């Protein structure tokens, strides 16, 4: 080889051997940002996050419609929405906090809980009292701390999983308006929550069934991306052609000279627009998509756990939750289904030696799910495997899943209600 080429190659090799580390930040930037934020957010939660858990108790004569709970959800969205700026997010580690809506049955006693950052307590209570002025709101200890922390163990067993959406986020689930008819009396209304409450009331002493709905309000960038994707899905469902960009005058003249005038068939416009050729089912789906993208949204994660002492633990009781979420599925809408990766069971492997460690693998999955439930964390990080366990629901869908049932539509004896409504004493003369 020419000595000049050898000298060039030798010089290039010395450059690479000396300065190779300069390219590392390009490949490690994503990991560095992730671990930096992980560290800062953990510090913020340890130093500044003060969780508070409220239990909502309603009087027996509650007659509020489900529409009232949608107003509450809209108010809660604005109450806790406080997006951090650049310094707060990357230096202080402050995240956008959310709420945890929990429906819990402990030995057949049903409770409605809301957990959130203590700084927003006044706003949260005002949002609830604005629609339910006779509700009783009390601060209670975290129910997840009232059971052994080493479940599953010799006395307790546990089963659970996370949920996910079956279709894309822009397609809504079946909401409460599909269960109601205009002009219905209170005793004629169908409450989808009634099925769940009836099942939760049958939980025996020594058993517990928990349902957790973690909701983080979304705004600005996230909401804009969601709305834009919803518009694209809407246009696709309506069979609308994408808008063609206008060509410059010189390009049009060139196309006319080269290709000639367009034929009559190409210039002929259709008599009816694509929207008028949709089937009734396609029209209903299109309307539902437009309804969803037009309301405030939450980033949501849903998780359930069934646990109990081994002498009363009955594993098929987990189907009580499945029956509840099946109410919100229909052919024209979305559905909430179990996320198979999170189910606390392990399938047998064709490789027989692997089956020897199945009990240990199932135990580790169960411990992980229990820890994530207690700490209200997501199942996977965005960096390692994606956060597929979370999805987007608007305030109407949230009100459908979590609301305060009336005493007529859901006369469940195990529901923790207030025996008499609270009243404010009249002003007495001085």
Protein backbone atom coordinates (compact mmCIF):
# COMPACT_ATOMS: atom_id res chain seq x y z
CA UNK A 1 0.00 0.00 0.00
CA UNK A 2 1.12 3.53 -0.69
CA UNK A 3 2.97 4.95 2.36
CA UNK A 4 0.86 8.10 2.11
CA UNK A 5 -2.34 6.05 2.54
CA UNK A 6 -0.79 4.19 5.45
CA UNK A 7 0.09 7.45 7.14
CA UNK A 8 -3.47 8.76 6.64
CA UNK A 9 -4.97 5.56 8.10
CA UNK A 10 -2.58 5.65 11.01
CA UNK A 11 -3.47 9.26 11.74
CA UNK A 12 -7.20 8.47 11.53
CA UNK A 13 -6.79 5.55 13.93
CA UNK A 14 -4.96 7.74 16.44
CA UNK A 15 -7.78 10.28 16.25
CA UNK A 16 -10.42 7.59 16.90
CA UNK A 17 -8.41 6.03 19.74
CA UNK A 18 -7.96 9.42 21.41
CA UNK A 19 -11.39 11.04 20.93
CA UNK A 20 -13.80 8.08 20.71
CA UNK A 21 -15.46 9.05 23.97
CA UNK A 22 -16.84 12.26 22.43
CA UNK A 23 -19.58 10.30 20.64
CA UNK A 24 -20.80 8.61 23.81
CA UNK A 25 -23.11 11.48 24.83
CA UNK A 26 -24.96 11.08 21.53
CA UNK A 27 -25.81 7.47 22.35
CA UNK A 28 -26.23 7.83 26.11
CA UNK A 29 -28.17 11.10 26.18
CA UNK A 30 -31.57 9.38 26.46
CA UNK A 31 -30.40 7.16 29.31
CA UNK A 32 -28.71 10.04 31.10
CA UNK A 33 -31.87 12.21 30.98
CA UNK A 34 -34.01 9.30 32.17
CA UNK A 35 -31.85 8.46 35.18
CA UNK A 36 -31.35 12.14 36.01
CA UNK A 37 -35.12 12.71 36.07
CA UNK A 38 -35.63 9.48 37.99
CA UNK A 39 -33.24 10.72 40.69
CA UNK A 40 -34.69 14.23 40.86
CA UNK A 41 -38.31 13.05 40.95
CA UNK A 42 -37.52 10.55 43.71
CA UNK A 43 -35.96 13.34 45.78
CA UNK A 44 -38.99 15.56 45.19
CA UNK A 45 -41.39 12.85 46.37
CA UNK A 46 -39.29 12.18 49.46
CA UNK A 47 -38.98 15.84 50.43
CA UNK A 48 -42.15 17.59 49.26
CA UNK A 49 -44.88 15.10 48.37
CA UNK A 50 -47.48 14.83 51.12
CA UNK A 51 -50.20 12.36 50.15
CA UNK A 52 -53.63 12.68 51.69
CA UNK A 53 -56.44 10.14 51.39
CA UNK A 54 -60.05 11.17 51.69
CA UNK A 55 -63.07 8.91 52.04
CA UNK A 56 -66.34 10.17 50.59
CA UNK A 57 -69.51 9.10 52.37
CA UNK A 58 -72.90 9.94 50.90
CA UNK A 59 -76.30 10.08 52.58
CA UNK A 60 -78.86 7.44 51.75
CA UNK A 61 -81.17 9.80 49.84
CA UNK A 62 -78.64 10.88 47.20
CA UNK A 63 -80.46 11.52 43.90
CA UNK A 64 -77.71 13.24 41.90
CA UNK A 65 -77.42 12.22 38.22
CA UNK A 66 -74.20 10.90 36.75
CA UNK A 67 -73.78 14.19 34.89
CA UNK A 68 -72.91 15.75 38.25
CA UNK A 69 -69.87 13.49 38.55
CA UNK A 70 -68.64 14.62 35.14
CA UNK A 71 -68.73 18.20 36.45
CA UNK A 72 -66.72 17.02 39.48
CA UNK A 73 -64.13 15.34 37.23
CA UNK A 74 -63.82 18.49 35.13
CA UNK A 75 -63.28 20.55 38.28
CA UNK A 76 -60.71 18.07 39.61
CA UNK A 77 -58.85 18.23 36.28
CA UNK A 78 -58.39 21.98 36.72
CA UNK A 79 -57.78 21.75 40.46
CA UNK A 80 -54.67 19.56 40.31
CA UNK A 81 -53.34 20.57 36.89
CA UNK A 82 -50.09 22.39 37.59
CA UNK A 83 -47.50 21.60 34.91
CA UNK A 84 -43.93 22.39 36.00
CA UNK A 85 -41.71 24.70 34.00
CA UNK A 86 -38.29 23.66 32.71
CA UNK A 87 -36.43 24.42 35.95
CA UNK A 88 -39.02 22.76 38.15
CA UNK A 89 -39.12 19.64 35.97
CA UNK A 90 -35.40 19.04 35.31
CA UNK A 91 -33.75 20.63 38.35
CA UNK A 92 -36.29 20.45 41.18
CA UNK A 93 -37.76 17.20 39.87
CA UNK A 94 -41.37 18.33 40.30
CA UNK A 95 -43.74 16.14 38.25
CA UNK A 96 -47.34 16.69 37.27
CA UNK A 97 -49.12 14.97 40.13
CA UNK A 98 -52.50 13.33 39.76
CA UNK A 99 -55.24 11.62 41.71
CA UNK A 100 -55.97 8.03 42.65
CA UNK A 101 -59.65 7.05 42.67
CA UNK A 102 -60.05 3.82 44.63
CA UNK A 103 -63.08 1.58 45.11
CA UNK A 104 -62.35 -0.89 47.90
CA UNK A 105 -64.21 -3.71 49.59
CA UNK A 106 -62.79 -4.83 52.94
CA UNK A 107 -64.69 -7.80 54.22
CA UNK A 108 -67.83 -6.69 52.35
CA UNK A 109 -67.63 -3.03 53.51
CA UNK A 110 -67.35 -0.77 50.44
CA UNK A 111 -65.38 2.49 50.51
CA UNK A 112 -64.77 5.29 47.99
CA UNK A 113 -61.33 6.90 48.36
CA UNK A 114 -59.47 9.72 46.59
CA UNK A 115 -55.72 10.13 47.14
CA UNK A 116 -53.72 13.19 45.97
CA UNK A 117 -51.11 15.77 46.97
CA UNK A 118 -52.14 17.62 50.14
CA UNK A 119 -51.58 21.05 48.57
CA UNK A 120 -54.77 20.60 46.53
CA UNK A 121 -57.05 19.50 49.35
CA UNK A 122 -59.18 22.65 49.43
CA UNK A 123 -59.75 22.54 45.68
CA UNK A 124 -60.62 18.84 45.69
CA UNK A 125 -63.10 19.21 48.54
CA UNK A 126 -64.67 22.23 46.85
CA UNK A 127 -65.08 20.28 43.60
CA UNK A 128 -66.92 17.47 45.41
CA UNK A 129 -69.03 19.67 47.67
CA UNK A 130 -70.00 21.81 44.68
CA UNK A 131 -72.12 18.93 43.35
CA UNK A 132 -72.59 16.85 46.51
CA UNK A 133 -73.03 19.48 49.25
CA UNK A 134 -74.37 16.96 51.79
CA UNK A 135 -71.48 14.50 51.34
CA UNK A 136 -69.19 13.74 54.26
CA UNK A 137 -65.48 13.94 53.44
CA UNK A 138 -63.05 12.66 56.05
CA UNK A 139 -59.31 12.03 56.02
CA UNK A 140 -58.44 8.38 56.63
CA UNK A 141 -55.19 6.36 56.77
CA UNK A 142 -54.04 4.55 53.67
CA UNK A 143 -55.85 1.22 53.54
CA UNK A 144 -52.94 -0.42 51.70
CA UNK A 145 -50.87 -0.05 54.89
CA UNK A 146 -53.42 -1.96 56.98
CA UNK A 147 -52.43 -5.39 55.60
CA UNK A 148 -49.12 -7.29 55.92
CA UNK A 149 -46.42 -5.79 53.73
CA UNK A 150 -45.00 -9.21 52.76
CA UNK A 151 -48.07 -10.49 50.89
CA UNK A 152 -48.17 -13.19 49.57
CA UNK A 153 -47.07 -15.14 52.62
CA UNK A 154 -48.08 -18.21 54.60
CA UNK A 155 -51.36 -16.65 55.71
CA UNK A 156 -52.34 -14.40 52.78
CA UNK A 157 -52.61 -14.98 49.04
CA UNK A 158 -53.08 -12.45 46.24
CA UNK A 159 -54.02 -12.17 42.57
CA UNK A 160 -54.18 -9.09 40.34
CA UNK A 161 -53.31 -7.32 37.11
CA UNK A 162 -53.33 -4.02 35.21
CA UNK A 163 -55.81 -3.03 32.51
CA UNK A 164 -55.33 -1.54 29.06
CA UNK A 165 -57.47 -0.30 26.18
CA UNK A 166 -58.31 -2.71 23.39
CA UNK A 167 -58.21 0.01 20.69
CA UNK A 168 -56.54 3.37 20.22
CA UNK A 169 -56.97 6.12 22.80
CA UNK A 170 -59.20 8.27 20.60
CA UNK A 171 -62.02 5.69 20.56
CA UNK A 172 -64.06 6.03 23.78
CA UNK A 173 -65.54 3.36 26.00
CA UNK A 174 -69.29 3.08 26.54
CA UNK A 175 -70.19 5.98 28.83
CA UNK A 176 -73.05 6.63 31.22
CA UNK A 177 -75.17 8.41 28.61
CA UNK A 178 -75.55 5.08 26.82
CA UNK A 179 -77.13 3.64 29.97
CA UNK A 180 -79.65 6.44 30.46
CA UNK A 181 -82.72 7.53 28.55
CA UNK A 182 -84.11 11.08 28.66
CA UNK A 183 -86.97 11.50 31.10
CA UNK A 184 -86.23 8.38 33.14
CA UNK A 185 -87.08 8.39 36.80
CA UNK A 186 -84.35 7.68 39.33
CA UNK A 187 -85.60 4.17 40.06
CA UNK A 188 -85.65 3.36 36.31
CA UNK A 189 -82.05 4.34 35.60
CA UNK A 190 -79.35 1.74 35.02
CA UNK A 191 -76.12 2.39 36.93
CA UNK A 192 -73.16 0.36 35.60
CA UNK A 193 -71.55 0.64 39.02
CA UNK A 194 -74.41 -1.25 40.63
CA UNK A 195 -73.12 -4.60 39.36
CA UNK A 196 -69.71 -4.01 40.90
CA UNK A 197 -71.07 -2.80 44.23
CA UNK A 198 -73.37 -5.78 44.51
CA UNK A 199 -70.38 -8.08 43.96
CA UNK A 200 -68.13 -6.16 46.36
CA UNK A 201 -70.80 -6.46 49.04
CA UNK A 202 -70.46 -10.25 48.89
CA UNK A 203 -66.77 -10.21 49.84
CA UNK A 204 -66.33 -12.19 53.07
CA UNK A 205 -64.46 -11.15 56.22
CA UNK A 206 -60.77 -11.89 55.69
CA UNK A 207 -61.00 -10.98 51.98
CA UNK A 208 -60.30 -7.66 50.27
CA UNK A 209 -60.81 -6.47 46.71
CA UNK A 210 -59.15 -3.25 45.56
CA UNK A 211 -59.66 -1.23 42.38
CA UNK A 212 -57.31 1.67 41.69
CA UNK A 213 -57.77 4.29 38.95
CA UNK A 214 -54.73 6.57 38.72
CA UNK A 215 -55.48 9.73 36.73
CA UNK A 216 -53.06 12.50 35.78
CA UNK A 217 -54.57 15.59 34.05
CA UNK A 218 -53.15 16.34 30.63
CA UNK A 219 -52.89 19.71 28.93
CA UNK A 220 -50.96 21.78 26.45
CA UNK A 221 -48.62 19.49 24.49
CA UNK A 222 -50.17 16.13 25.39
CA UNK A 223 -53.72 17.33 24.83
CA UNK A 224 -52.78 18.93 21.50
CA UNK A 225 -51.18 15.70 20.25
CA UNK A 226 -54.21 13.71 21.37
CA UNK A 227 -56.61 16.12 19.68
CA UNK A 228 -54.59 16.14 16.45
CA UNK A 229 -54.49 12.33 16.37
CA UNK A 230 -58.22 12.31 17.03
CA UNK A 231 -58.86 14.62 14.09
CA UNK A 232 -56.80 12.38 11.82
CA UNK A 233 -58.73 9.33 12.99
CA UNK A 234 -62.02 11.17 12.50
CA UNK A 235 -61.13 12.15 8.93
CA UNK A 236 -60.02 8.59 8.19
CA UNK A 237 -63.27 7.16 9.56
CA UNK A 238 -65.24 9.75 7.55
CA UNK A 239 -63.28 8.74 4.40
CA UNK A 240 -62.19 12.28 3.78
CA UNK A 241 -59.37 12.84 1.36
CA UNK A 242 -56.38 14.72 2.79
CA UNK A 243 -56.19 18.31 1.68
CA UNK A 244 -53.92 18.66 -1.32
CA UNK A 245 -51.37 21.44 -1.26
CA UNK A 246 -51.73 24.08 -3.95
CA UNK A 247 -49.01 23.99 -6.61
CA UNK A 248 -46.99 27.02 -7.66
CA UNK A 249 -48.11 28.71 -10.88
CA UNK A 250 -44.98 27.66 -12.80
CA UNK A 251 -45.48 24.01 -11.73
CA UNK A 252 -49.10 24.09 -12.94
CA UNK A 253 -48.00 25.55 -16.30
CA UNK A 254 -45.34 22.83 -16.63
CA UNK A 255 -47.86 20.07 -15.85
CA UNK A 256 -50.30 21.54 -18.38
CA UNK A 257 -47.67 21.59 -21.12
CA UNK A 258 -46.31 18.10 -20.37
CA UNK A 259 -49.43 16.18 -19.31
CA UNK A 260 -52.20 18.24 -20.91
CA UNK A 261 -55.57 19.16 -19.46
CA UNK A 262 -57.26 16.81 -17.05
CA UNK A 263 -59.91 14.54 -18.44
CA UNK A 264 -63.55 15.07 -17.81
CA UNK A 265 -63.70 12.02 -15.57
CA UNK A 266 -60.95 13.38 -13.33
CA UNK A 267 -62.61 16.78 -13.02
CA UNK A 268 -66.02 15.31 -12.27
CA UNK A 269 -66.86 15.65 -8.58
CA UNK A 270 -68.90 13.18 -6.67
CA UNK A 271 -72.52 14.10 -6.05
CA UNK A 272 -72.49 13.05 -2.38
CA UNK A 273 -69.65 13.68 0.11
CA UNK A 274 -68.01 10.64 1.76
CA UNK A 275 -69.70 11.40 5.11
CA UNK A 276 -73.14 10.67 3.62
CA UNK A 277 -72.11 7.19 2.51
CA UNK A 278 -71.26 5.95 6.01
CA UNK A 279 -73.25 3.15 7.60
CA UNK A 280 -75.22 3.88 10.82
CA UNK A 281 -72.59 2.06 12.88
CA UNK A 282 -69.77 4.07 11.29
CA UNK A 283 -71.65 7.30 11.97
CA UNK A 284 -72.09 6.37 15.63
CA UNK A 285 -68.38 5.59 15.98
CA UNK A 286 -67.50 8.89 14.33
CA UNK A 287 -69.75 10.80 16.71
CA UNK A 288 -68.20 9.05 19.73
CA UNK A 289 -64.67 9.95 18.60
CA UNK A 290 -65.65 13.61 18.22
CA UNK A 291 -67.23 13.57 21.68
CA UNK A 292 -64.10 12.17 23.30
CA UNK A 293 -61.58 14.55 21.76
CA UNK A 294 -63.70 17.55 22.70
CA UNK A 295 -63.39 17.18 26.50
CA UNK A 296 -60.53 17.44 29.06
CA UNK A 297 -58.46 14.27 29.32
CA UNK A 298 -56.55 12.27 31.93
CA UNK A 299 -53.65 9.86 31.50
CA UNK A 300 -55.06 6.83 33.30
CA UNK A 301 -53.80 3.56 34.74
CA UNK A 302 -56.21 1.00 36.20
CA UNK A 303 -55.11 -1.80 38.54
CA UNK A 304 -56.95 -4.35 40.63
CA UNK A 305 -55.95 -6.70 43.44
CA UNK A 306 -57.89 -9.47 45.15
CA UNK A 307 -56.36 -10.79 48.37
CA UNK A 308 -57.45 -12.80 51.36
CA UNK A 309 -56.45 -15.19 54.08
CA UNK A 310 -55.89 -18.65 52.71
CA UNK A 311 -58.72 -20.22 54.67
CA UNK A 312 -61.28 -17.96 52.91
CA UNK A 313 -59.39 -16.94 49.74
CA UNK A 314 -61.36 -17.90 46.61
CA UNK A 315 -59.43 -17.08 43.44
CA UNK A 316 -62.44 -16.92 41.02
CA UNK A 317 -63.60 -13.79 42.88
CA UNK A 318 -61.30 -11.78 40.61
CA UNK A 319 -63.96 -12.21 37.90
CA UNK A 320 -66.13 -9.75 39.80
CA UNK A 321 -64.00 -6.91 38.45
CA UNK A 322 -63.97 -8.33 34.92
CA UNK A 323 -67.77 -8.40 34.89
CA UNK A 324 -67.82 -4.72 35.83
CA UNK A 325 -65.49 -3.53 33.06
CA UNK A 326 -67.32 -5.66 30.48
CA UNK A 327 -70.26 -3.25 30.86
CA UNK A 328 -68.35 -0.55 28.99
CA UNK A 329 -67.60 -2.56 25.83
CA UNK A 330 -69.62 -2.59 22.63
CA UNK A 331 -68.82 -3.25 18.93
CA UNK A 332 -68.79 0.48 18.08
CA UNK A 333 -66.69 1.62 21.05
CA UNK A 334 -63.53 0.75 22.92
CA UNK A 335 -63.15 -1.70 25.79
CA UNK A 336 -61.00 -2.06 28.91
CA UNK A 337 -59.32 -5.47 29.03
CA UNK A 338 -56.68 -7.10 31.29
CA UNK A 339 -53.06 -6.52 30.32
CA UNK A 340 -51.76 -10.08 30.08
CA UNK A 341 -48.15 -9.19 30.91
CA UNK A 342 -49.11 -7.99 34.38
CA UNK A 343 -51.33 -10.89 35.48
CA UNK A 344 -49.75 -12.51 38.51
CA UNK A 345 -49.50 -15.96 37.02
CA UNK A 346 -46.83 -17.63 34.92
CA UNK A 347 -47.61 -19.99 32.05
CA UNK A 348 -45.81 -23.27 31.82
CA UNK A 349 -42.92 -23.50 29.40
CA UNK A 350 -42.32 -26.30 26.84
CA UNK A 351 -38.82 -26.44 28.30
CA UNK A 352 -39.59 -28.59 31.35
CA UNK A 353 -36.67 -27.46 33.60
CA UNK A 354 -38.01 -23.89 33.44
CA UNK A 355 -41.22 -25.01 35.11
CA UNK A 356 -39.28 -25.77 38.30
CA UNK A 357 -38.97 -22.05 39.00
CA UNK A 358 -42.57 -21.15 38.11
CA UNK A 359 -43.61 -20.64 41.75
CA UNK A 360 -40.71 -18.25 42.31
CA UNK A 361 -41.49 -16.25 39.15
CA UNK A 362 -45.17 -15.97 40.10
CA UNK A 363 -44.17 -14.83 43.59
CA UNK A 364 -41.93 -12.07 42.20
CA UNK A 365 -44.67 -10.84 39.83
CA UNK A 366 -47.13 -10.75 42.73
CA UNK A 367 -44.72 -8.83 44.96
CA UNK A 368 -44.03 -6.33 42.19
CA UNK A 369 -47.72 -5.69 41.53
CA UNK A 370 -48.42 -5.26 45.25
CA UNK A 371 -45.58 -2.74 45.60
CA UNK A 372 -46.69 -0.77 42.53
CA UNK A 373 -50.25 -0.63 43.86
CA UNK A 374 -49.18 0.68 47.27
CA UNK A 375 -46.89 3.31 45.77
CA UNK A 376 -49.29 4.22 42.92
CA UNK A 377 -46.59 3.67 40.29
CA UNK A 378 -46.81 2.67 36.66
CA UNK A 379 -45.87 -0.82 35.57
CA UNK A 380 -43.15 0.09 33.06
CA UNK A 381 -41.05 3.17 32.46
CA UNK A 382 -41.08 4.97 29.09
CA UNK A 383 -37.43 4.00 28.54
CA UNK A 384 -37.54 0.30 29.33
CA UNK A 385 -40.39 -1.27 27.41
CA UNK A 386 -42.75 1.69 27.21
CA UNK A 387 -45.57 2.73 29.46
CA UNK A 388 -48.20 0.68 27.65
CA UNK A 389 -50.27 0.16 30.77
CA UNK A 390 -51.56 3.75 30.69
CA UNK A 391 -54.13 5.21 28.34
CA UNK A 392 -56.25 8.32 27.88
CA UNK A 393 -59.80 8.82 29.16
CA UNK A 394 -61.79 12.03 29.17
CA UNK A 395 -63.86 13.39 32.06
CA UNK A 396 -67.04 11.71 30.84
CA UNK A 397 -65.38 8.28 30.80
CA UNK A 398 -63.84 8.89 34.22
CA UNK A 399 -67.24 9.82 35.66
CA UNK A 400 -68.65 6.59 34.23
CA UNK A 401 -66.00 4.44 35.92
CA UNK A 402 -65.90 6.28 39.25
CA UNK A 403 -68.97 8.00 40.64
CA UNK A 404 -71.07 8.08 43.76
CA UNK A 405 -74.13 5.86 43.32
CA UNK A 406 -77.59 6.79 44.47
CA UNK A 407 -79.42 4.84 47.13
CA UNK A 408 -82.21 3.90 44.70
CA UNK A 409 -80.14 2.68 41.77
CA UNK A 410 -77.56 0.93 44.01
CA UNK A 411 -79.21 -0.16 47.28
CA UNK A 412 -76.17 -2.14 48.45
CA UNK A 413 -76.10 -2.76 52.22
CA UNK A 414 -72.29 -2.87 52.40
CA UNK A 415 -71.86 0.66 51.01
CA UNK A 416 -70.49 3.04 53.64
CA UNK A 417 -73.11 5.81 53.76
CA UNK A 418 -73.99 8.56 56.22
CA UNK A 419 -77.14 7.80 58.18
CA UNK A 420 -78.34 11.41 58.18
CA UNK A 421 -77.30 14.39 56.10
CA UNK A 422 -75.28 17.15 57.66
CA UNK A 423 -76.88 20.58 58.03
CA UNK A 424 -75.52 23.96 59.00
CA UNK A 425 -77.15 25.45 62.12
CA UNK A 426 -79.09 28.70 61.52
CA UNK A 427 -77.64 32.00 62.59
CA UNK A 428 -78.70 32.82 66.15
CA UNK A 429 -79.38 36.42 67.24
CA UNK A 430 -76.74 37.98 69.42
